Amino acid sequence: MTKCISVFVVALCLTGLLSCTALPSLPAATPAGPAPINPGDRIGDILVTTAAADETVFVWQAGCVQQGTEEKYRCAVTVGSEYNVSVGVYSAPDQGKSLEELWAEHTEEIFIADRPVNLAAFGAVDTYHPTAGKMRAWNVVLVASAPDEIAVKTKGKVADETWEEFSTYVFSAP
């Protein structure tokens, strides 16, 4: 019996000693990257916000000029005006799906000055395109308070079409 108690006491002491030993430290967490952009954020003189569809200029209305053969554009825009930078989704008759179905299935990412945009925080806005008809876009709008320029990258997929575009918005005084 004393042998059993001795073994138990030794085991108990070892357990106590081991529990007091410092554990190796865990590696520091790696940063997740730049914080996502939310409505009301500013990048320099540019406010990232939302706007009513009838108060904003959409990508297809901005007069952007393609640079070379790639999907790179330069957009000359006016200080104080509102510019929606999202690619619009529309339903064409040959797609066989409604705008609501296409919107629910589509994917899109927007990066402004290399920062991801929190699209859910901006919500969607419906508008009308003279050729495509009713369209829906993320309500991500740029408004500059002074001359400035900013890079925007959009990429995504609607139905079987994928895209990746790079645009530089150059804001100048009216």
Protein backbone atom coordinates (compact mmCIF):
# COMPACT_ATOMS: atom_id res chain seq x y z
CA MET A 1 0.00 0.00 0.00
CA THR A 2 2.85 2.38 0.78
CA LYS A 3 4.33 1.61 -2.63
CA CYS A 4 1.05 2.63 -4.27
CA ILE A 5 0.90 5.84 -2.24
CA SER A 6 4.54 6.63 -3.06
CA VAL A 7 3.93 6.19 -6.79
CA PHE A 8 0.81 8.33 -6.52
CA VAL A 9 2.70 11.11 -4.65
CA VAL A 10 5.53 11.07 -7.21
CA ALA A 11 3.05 11.21 -10.09
CA LEU A 12 1.20 14.06 -8.39
CA CYS A 13 4.45 16.02 -7.91
CA LEU A 14 5.48 15.48 -11.53
CA THR A 15 2.06 16.67 -12.72
CA GLY A 16 2.39 19.77 -10.55
CA LEU A 17 5.88 20.51 -11.86
CA LEU A 18 4.85 20.05 -15.48
CA SER A 19 1.84 22.33 -15.09
CA CYS A 20 4.14 25.11 -13.83
CA THR A 21 6.44 24.82 -16.83
CA ALA A 22 6.00 27.65 -19.33
CA LEU A 23 4.49 26.57 -22.63
CA PRO A 24 6.22 27.62 -25.82
CA SER A 25 4.83 30.91 -27.07
CA LEU A 26 2.54 30.90 -30.08
CA PRO A 27 3.60 32.84 -33.16
CA ALA A 28 2.13 36.32 -33.44
CA ALA A 29 -0.97 36.61 -35.61
CA THR A 30 -0.24 37.85 -39.08
CA PRO A 31 -2.13 40.95 -40.15
CA ALA A 32 -5.15 40.23 -42.34
CA GLY A 33 -4.30 43.04 -44.76
CA PRO A 34 -5.68 46.53 -45.11
CA ALA A 35 -8.97 47.33 -43.42
CA PRO A 36 -11.99 47.21 -45.75
CA ILE A 37 -13.52 50.48 -46.94
CA ASN A 38 -16.94 51.36 -45.52
CA PRO A 39 -19.36 54.18 -46.37
CA GLY A 40 -18.00 57.49 -45.09
CA ASP A 41 -14.33 56.52 -45.33
CA ARG A 42 -11.96 59.03 -46.93
CA ILE A 43 -8.87 58.38 -48.99
CA GLY A 44 -7.08 61.68 -49.30
CA ASP A 45 -9.57 64.21 -50.69
CA ILE A 46 -11.93 61.47 -51.88
CA LEU A 47 -14.99 60.39 -49.91
CA VAL A 48 -16.29 56.85 -50.49
CA THR A 49 -20.05 56.96 -49.96
CA THR A 50 -23.45 56.03 -51.43
CA ALA A 51 -25.85 58.06 -53.57
CA ALA A 52 -29.27 57.91 -55.18
CA ALA A 53 -29.17 56.46 -58.70
CA ASP A 54 -30.43 59.69 -60.27
CA GLU A 55 -27.67 61.73 -58.57
CA THR A 56 -24.65 59.68 -59.62
CA VAL A 57 -22.66 59.05 -62.78
CA PHE A 58 -22.14 55.34 -63.46
CA VAL A 59 -19.07 53.74 -65.02
CA TRP A 60 -20.68 53.53 -68.47
CA GLN A 61 -21.54 57.26 -68.33
CA ALA A 62 -18.18 58.53 -67.07
CA GLY A 63 -16.46 58.83 -70.45
CA CYS A 64 -13.58 56.56 -69.47
CA VAL A 65 -10.95 55.96 -72.15
CA GLN A 66 -9.35 52.54 -72.55
CA GLN A 67 -5.57 52.56 -72.19
CA GLY A 68 -4.00 50.12 -74.67
CA THR A 69 -5.53 46.71 -75.32
CA GLU A 70 -5.97 45.63 -71.68
CA GLU A 71 -8.96 46.36 -69.46
CA LYS A 72 -7.37 49.55 -68.13
CA TYR A 73 -9.25 52.84 -68.23
CA ARG A 74 -8.60 56.48 -67.42
CA CYS A 75 -11.66 58.43 -66.35
CA ALA A 76 -11.65 62.22 -66.35
CA VAL A 77 -14.20 63.26 -63.74
CA THR A 78 -15.21 66.45 -61.97
CA VAL A 79 -14.54 67.45 -58.36
CA GLY A 80 -17.80 67.44 -56.38
CA SER A 81 -19.66 65.02 -58.68
CA GLU A 82 -20.67 61.53 -57.57
CA TYR A 83 -19.21 58.55 -59.47
CA ASN A 84 -20.40 54.97 -58.96
CA VAL A 85 -17.48 52.59 -59.60
CA SER A 86 -19.34 49.25 -59.62
CA VAL A 87 -19.95 47.18 -62.75
CA GLY A 88 -23.69 46.89 -63.35
CA VAL A 89 -25.61 43.62 -63.69
CA TYR A 90 -28.51 43.34 -66.14
CA SER A 91 -30.70 40.57 -67.53
CA ALA A 92 -30.52 39.95 -71.26
CA PRO A 93 -33.30 37.94 -72.95
CA ASP A 94 -30.86 35.18 -74.00
CA GLN A 95 -29.70 34.59 -70.41
CA GLY A 96 -33.00 33.08 -69.30
CA LYS A 97 -32.67 34.51 -65.77
CA SER A 98 -34.18 37.51 -64.07
CA LEU A 99 -32.11 40.41 -62.78
CA GLU A 100 -32.80 39.21 -59.23
CA GLU A 101 -31.47 35.72 -60.02
CA LEU A 102 -28.35 37.06 -61.75
CA TRP A 103 -27.68 39.51 -58.90
CA ALA A 104 -28.02 36.77 -56.29
CA GLU A 105 -25.58 34.53 -58.18
CA HIS A 106 -23.04 37.13 -59.28
CA THR A 107 -19.74 37.80 -57.53
CA GLU A 108 -17.89 41.09 -57.48
CA GLU A 109 -14.94 42.54 -55.63
CA ILE A 110 -13.94 46.18 -55.66
CA PHE A 111 -10.59 47.54 -54.48
CA ILE A 112 -10.01 51.27 -54.09
CA ALA A 113 -6.37 52.33 -53.65
CA ASP A 114 -5.57 48.62 -53.09
CA ARG A 115 -8.05 48.36 -50.19
CA PRO A 116 -11.00 45.96 -50.37
CA VAL A 117 -14.48 47.48 -50.27
CA ASN A 118 -17.08 46.10 -47.84
CA LEU A 119 -19.79 45.81 -50.52
CA ALA A 120 -22.52 44.64 -48.14
CA ALA A 121 -22.14 47.87 -46.15
CA PHE A 122 -22.83 49.94 -49.29
CA GLY A 123 -25.82 47.96 -50.54
CA ALA A 124 -27.14 47.91 -54.10
CA VAL A 125 -28.75 50.55 -56.29
CA ASP A 126 -30.97 50.06 -59.34
CA THR A 127 -30.59 52.26 -62.39
CA TYR A 128 -31.48 52.30 -66.07
CA HIS A 129 -29.08 51.82 -68.98
CA PRO A 130 -30.30 53.08 -72.39
CA THR A 131 -29.34 49.81 -74.15
CA ALA A 132 -29.41 47.14 -71.42
CA GLY A 133 -32.46 48.44 -69.54
CA LYS A 134 -32.77 47.98 -65.78
CA MET A 135 -29.42 47.40 -64.09
CA ARG A 136 -28.25 46.83 -60.54
CA ALA A 137 -24.86 47.86 -59.15
CA TRP A 138 -23.18 48.08 -55.78
CA ASN A 139 -23.75 51.59 -54.43
CA VAL A 140 -20.04 52.46 -54.13
CA VAL A 141 -19.63 56.14 -54.97
CA LEU A 142 -16.56 58.40 -55.07
CA VAL A 143 -16.80 62.16 -54.44
CA ALA A 144 -13.66 64.32 -54.45
CA SER A 145 -13.49 67.62 -52.58
CA ALA A 146 -10.31 68.71 -54.42
CA PRO A 147 -8.38 67.62 -57.51
CA ASP A 148 -7.03 64.13 -56.92
CA GLU A 149 -6.72 60.73 -58.57
CA ILE A 150 -7.45 57.24 -57.35
CA ALA A 151 -7.12 53.68 -58.70
CA VAL A 152 -10.08 51.30 -58.68
CA LYS A 153 -10.01 47.59 -59.51
CA THR A 154 -13.20 45.59 -60.05
CA LYS A 155 -13.43 41.90 -60.76
CA GLY A 156 -16.20 39.39 -60.74
CA LYS A 157 -18.50 37.02 -62.56
CA VAL A 158 -22.08 37.22 -63.85
CA ALA A 159 -23.55 34.12 -65.48
CA ASP A 160 -20.68 32.83 -67.68
CA GLU A 161 -18.91 36.18 -68.04
CA THR A 162 -15.92 37.11 -65.89
CA TRP A 163 -14.20 40.47 -65.82
CA GLU A 164 -11.30 42.30 -64.24
CA GLU A 165 -10.93 46.02 -64.88
CA PHE A 166 -8.55 48.68 -63.64
CA SER A 167 -9.64 52.31 -63.73
CA THR A 168 -7.92 55.50 -62.66
CA TYR A 169 -10.34 58.27 -61.77
CA VAL A 170 -8.76 61.68 -62.27
CA PHE A 171 -10.76 64.37 -60.48
CA SER A 172 -10.26 67.89 -61.80
CA ALA A 173 -11.87 71.24 -60.97
CA PRO A 174 -15.08 72.06 -62.88
